[in-house]
Amino acid sequence: MQWLFSLCLAVFYVALRCRYIHSIGMLLALYLVSFNVVGMRT
């Protein structure tokens, strides 16, 4: 599960760096974060 969190951080960082895919990266990062939180709660 830790690799998923690392991947999320990587996507978030890339999204901040590349403004061309900023919105797509943010949506993907938020999706991974929410999925990770839900997976931890259950």
PDB file of N, CA and C in Angstrom:
ATOM      1  N   MET A   1       0.833  -1.201   0.000  1.00  0.00           N
ATOM      2  CA  MET A   1       0.000   0.000   0.000  1.00  0.00           C
ATOM      3  C   MET A   1       0.875   1.261   0.000  1.00  0.00           C
ATOM      4  N   GLN A   2       2.112   1.108   0.463  1.00  0.00           N
ATOM      5  CA  GLN A   2       2.991   2.272   0.548  1.00  0.00           C
ATOM      6  C   GLN A   2       3.431   2.746  -0.833  1.00  0.00           C
ATOM      7  N   TRP A   3       3.570   1.805  -1.763  1.00  0.00           N
ATOM      8  CA  TRP A   3       3.985   2.183  -3.123  1.00  0.00           C
ATOM      9  C   TRP A   3       2.904   3.032  -3.785  1.00  0.00           C
ATOM     10  N   LEU A   4       1.625   2.771  -3.422  1.00  0.00           N
ATOM     11  CA  LEU A   4       0.521   3.547  -3.983  1.00  0.00           C
ATOM     12  C   LEU A   4       0.599   4.989  -3.501  1.00  0.00           C
ATOM     13  N   PHE A   5       0.935   5.155  -2.238  1.00  0.00           N
ATOM     14  CA  PHE A   5       1.068   6.497  -1.673  1.00  0.00           C
ATOM     15  C   PHE A   5       2.234   7.238  -2.319  1.00  0.00           C
ATOM     16  N   SER A   6       3.327   6.510  -2.535  1.00  0.00           N
ATOM     17  CA  SER A   6       4.495   7.108  -3.186  1.00  0.00           C
ATOM     18  C   SER A   6       4.163   7.512  -4.618  1.00  0.00           C
ATOM     19  N   LEU A   7       3.404   6.659  -5.296  1.00  0.00           N
ATOM     20  CA  LEU A   7       2.995   6.957  -6.665  1.00  0.00           C
ATOM     21  C   LEU A   7       2.116   8.196  -6.690  1.00  0.00           C
ATOM     22  N   CYS A   8       1.250   8.316  -5.697  1.00  0.00           N
ATOM     23  CA  CYS A   8       0.361   9.474  -5.605  1.00  0.00           C
ATOM     24  C   CYS A   8       1.176  10.751  -5.441  1.00  0.00           C
ATOM     25  N   LEU A   9       2.166  10.700  -4.580  1.00  0.00           N
ATOM     26  CA  LEU A   9       3.022  11.866  -4.364  1.00  0.00           C
ATOM     27  C   LEU A   9       3.784  12.217  -5.631  1.00  0.00           C
ATOM     28  N   ALA A  10       4.232  11.186  -6.342  1.00  0.00           N
ATOM     29  CA  ALA A  10       4.969  11.405  -7.583  1.00  0.00           C
ATOM     30  C   ALA A  10       4.080  12.084  -8.623  1.00  0.00           C
ATOM     31  N   VAL A  11       2.851  11.596  -8.755  1.00  0.00           N
ATOM     32  CA  VAL A  11       1.904  12.176  -9.715  1.00  0.00           C
ATOM     33  C   VAL A  11       1.591  13.616  -9.334  1.00  0.00           C
ATOM     34  N   PHE A  12       1.405  13.854  -8.038  1.00  0.00           N
ATOM     35  CA  PHE A  12       1.104  15.202  -7.560  1.00  0.00           C
ATOM     36  C   PHE A  12       2.264  16.153  -7.864  1.00  0.00           C
ATOM     37  N   TYR A  13       3.497  15.672  -7.660  1.00  0.00           N
ATOM     38  CA  TYR A  13       4.685  16.480  -7.919  1.00  0.00           C
ATOM     39  C   TYR A  13       4.804  16.796  -9.405  1.00  0.00           C
ATOM     40  N   VAL A  14       4.581  15.779 -10.234  1.00  0.00           N
ATOM     41  CA  VAL A  14       4.650  15.967 -11.687  1.00  0.00           C
ATOM     42  C   VAL A  14       3.581  16.953 -12.141  1.00  0.00           C
ATOM     43  N   ALA A  15       2.398  16.856 -11.530  1.00  0.00           N
ATOM     44  CA  ALA A  15       1.301  17.751 -11.897  1.00  0.00           C
ATOM     45  C   ALA A  15       1.663  19.203 -11.582  1.00  0.00           C
ATOM     46  N   LEU A  16       2.356  19.399 -10.475  1.00  0.00           N
ATOM     47  CA  LEU A  16       2.761  20.748 -10.104  1.00  0.00           C
ATOM     48  C   LEU A  16       3.855  21.269 -11.037  1.00  0.00           C
ATOM     49  N   ARG A  17       4.712  20.354 -11.489  1.00  0.00           N
ATOM     50  CA  ARG A  17       5.807  20.743 -12.367  1.00  0.00           C
ATOM     51  C   ARG A  17       5.315  21.006 -13.793  1.00  0.00           C
ATOM     52  N   CYS A  18       4.480  20.125 -14.288  1.00  0.00           N
ATOM     53  CA  CYS A  18       3.987  20.245 -15.662  1.00  0.00           C
ATOM     54  C   CYS A  18       2.589  20.859 -15.646  1.00  0.00           C
ATOM     55  N   ARG A  19       2.504  22.124 -15.947  1.00  0.00           N
ATOM     56  CA  ARG A  19       1.211  22.803 -15.888  1.00  0.00           C
ATOM     57  C   ARG A  19       0.305  22.401 -17.045  1.00  0.00           C
ATOM     58  N   TYR A  20       0.881  21.768 -18.048  1.00  0.00           N
ATOM     59  CA  TYR A  20       0.087  21.345 -19.204  1.00  0.00           C
ATOM     60  C   TYR A  20      -0.898  20.250 -18.811  1.00  0.00           C
ATOM     61  N   ILE A  21      -0.468  19.386 -17.855  1.00  0.00           N
ATOM     62  CA  ILE A  21      -1.341  18.302 -17.400  1.00  0.00           C
ATOM     63  C   ILE A  21      -1.705  18.514 -15.930  1.00  0.00           C
ATOM     64  N   HIS A  22      -1.717  19.776 -15.518  1.00  0.00           N
ATOM     65  CA  HIS A  22      -1.965  20.098 -14.117  1.00  0.00           C
ATOM     66  C   HIS A  22      -3.313  19.554 -13.651  1.00  0.00           C
ATOM     67  N   SER A  23      -4.364  19.838 -14.400  1.00  0.00           N
ATOM     68  CA  SER A  23      -5.706  19.415 -13.993  1.00  0.00           C
ATOM     69  C   SER A  23      -5.822  17.892 -13.971  1.00  0.00           C
ATOM     70  N   ILE A  24      -5.257  17.238 -14.991  1.00  0.00           N
ATOM     71  CA  ILE A  24      -5.329  15.777 -15.065  1.00  0.00           C
ATOM     72  C   ILE A  24      -4.550  15.157 -13.909  1.00  0.00           C
ATOM     73  N   GLY A  25      -3.376  15.692 -13.627  1.00  0.00           N
ATOM     74  CA  GLY A  25      -2.553  15.171 -12.541  1.00  0.00           C
ATOM     75  C   GLY A  25      -3.224  15.359 -11.186  1.00  0.00           C
ATOM     76  N   MET A  26      -3.857  16.520 -11.002  1.00  0.00           N
ATOM     77  CA  MET A  26      -4.540  16.787  -9.743  1.00  0.00           C
ATOM     78  C   MET A  26      -5.701  15.828  -9.534  1.00  0.00           C
ATOM     79  N   LEU A  27      -6.489  15.604 -10.599  1.00  0.00           N
ATOM     80  CA  LEU A  27      -7.620  14.687 -10.490  1.00  0.00           C
ATOM     81  C   LEU A  27      -7.146  13.277 -10.181  1.00  0.00           C
ATOM     82  N   LEU A  28      -6.090  12.849 -10.845  1.00  0.00           N
ATOM     83  CA  LEU A  28      -5.555  11.508 -10.619  1.00  0.00           C
ATOM     84  C   LEU A  28      -5.001  11.383  -9.204  1.00  0.00           C
ATOM     85  N   ALA A  29      -4.313  12.421  -8.740  1.00  0.00           N
ATOM     86  CA  ALA A  29      -3.753  12.396  -7.389  1.00  0.00           C
ATOM     87  C   ALA A  29      -4.861  12.350  -6.344  1.00  0.00           C
ATOM     88  N   LEU A  30      -5.893  13.164  -6.538  1.00  0.00           N
ATOM     89  CA  LEU A  30      -7.013  13.168  -5.601  1.00  0.00           C
ATOM     90  C   LEU A  30      -7.720  11.828  -5.594  1.00  0.00           C
ATOM     91  N   TYR A  31      -7.855  11.203  -6.766  1.00  0.00           N
ATOM     92  CA  TYR A  31      -8.482   9.889  -6.873  1.00  0.00           C
ATOM     93  C   TYR A  31      -7.673   8.846  -6.113  1.00  0.00           C
ATOM     94  N   LEU A  32      -6.351   8.882  -6.274  1.00  0.00           N
ATOM     95  CA  LEU A  32      -5.488   7.919  -5.586  1.00  0.00           C
ATOM     96  C   LEU A  32      -5.530   8.143  -4.076  1.00  0.00           C
ATOM     97  N   VAL A  33      -5.551   9.402  -3.657  1.00  0.00           N
ATOM     98  CA  VAL A  33      -5.609   9.710  -2.227  1.00  0.00           C
ATOM     99  C   VAL A  33      -6.908   9.198  -1.619  1.00  0.00           C
ATOM    100  N   SER A  34      -8.035   9.482  -2.271  1.00  0.00           N
ATOM    101  CA  SER A  34      -9.330   9.039  -1.754  1.00  0.00           C
ATOM    102  C   SER A  34      -9.405   7.517  -1.729  1.00  0.00           C
ATOM    103  N   PHE A  35      -8.881   6.869  -2.780  1.00  0.00           N
ATOM    104  CA  PHE A  35      -8.885   5.408  -2.849  1.00  0.00           C
ATOM    105  C   PHE A  35      -8.016   4.826  -1.742  1.00  0.00           C
ATOM    106  N   ASN A  36      -6.881   5.473  -1.475  1.00  0.00           N
ATOM    107  CA  ASN A  36      -5.968   5.003  -0.436  1.00  0.00           C
ATOM    108  C   ASN A  36      -6.597   5.152   0.948  1.00  0.00           C
ATOM    109  N   VAL A  37      -7.277   6.276   1.183  1.00  0.00           N
ATOM    110  CA  VAL A  37      -7.928   6.522   2.476  1.00  0.00           C
ATOM    111  C   VAL A  37      -9.049   5.511   2.701  1.00  0.00           C
ATOM    112  N   VAL A  38      -9.842   5.268   1.665  1.00  0.00           N
ATOM    113  CA  VAL A  38     -10.938   4.303   1.773  1.00  0.00           C
ATOM    114  C   VAL A  38     -10.383   2.907   2.026  1.00  0.00           C
ATOM    115  N   GLY A  39      -9.279   2.579   1.366  1.00  0.00           N
ATOM    116  CA  GLY A  39      -8.674   1.262   1.545  1.00  0.00           C
ATOM    117  C   GLY A  39      -8.123   1.086   2.952  1.00  0.00           C
ATOM    118  N   MET A  40      -7.645   2.184   3.549  1.00  0.00           N
ATOM    119  CA  MET A  40      -7.100   2.101   4.902  1.00  0.00           C
ATOM    120  C   MET A  40      -8.219   1.982   5.930  1.00  0.00           C
ATOM    121  N   ARG A  41      -9.337   2.645   5.703  1.00  0.00           N
ATOM    122  CA  ARG A  41     -10.432   2.634   6.676  1.00  0.00           C
ATOM    123  C   ARG A  41     -11.114   1.273   6.743  1.00  0.00           C
ATOM    124  N   THR A  42     -11.253   0.622   5.596  1.00  0.00           N
ATOM    125  CA  THR A  42     -11.953  -0.663   5.577  1.00  0.00           C
ATOM    126  C   THR A  42     -11.034  -1.785   6.029  1.00  0.00           C
TER     127      THR A  42
END
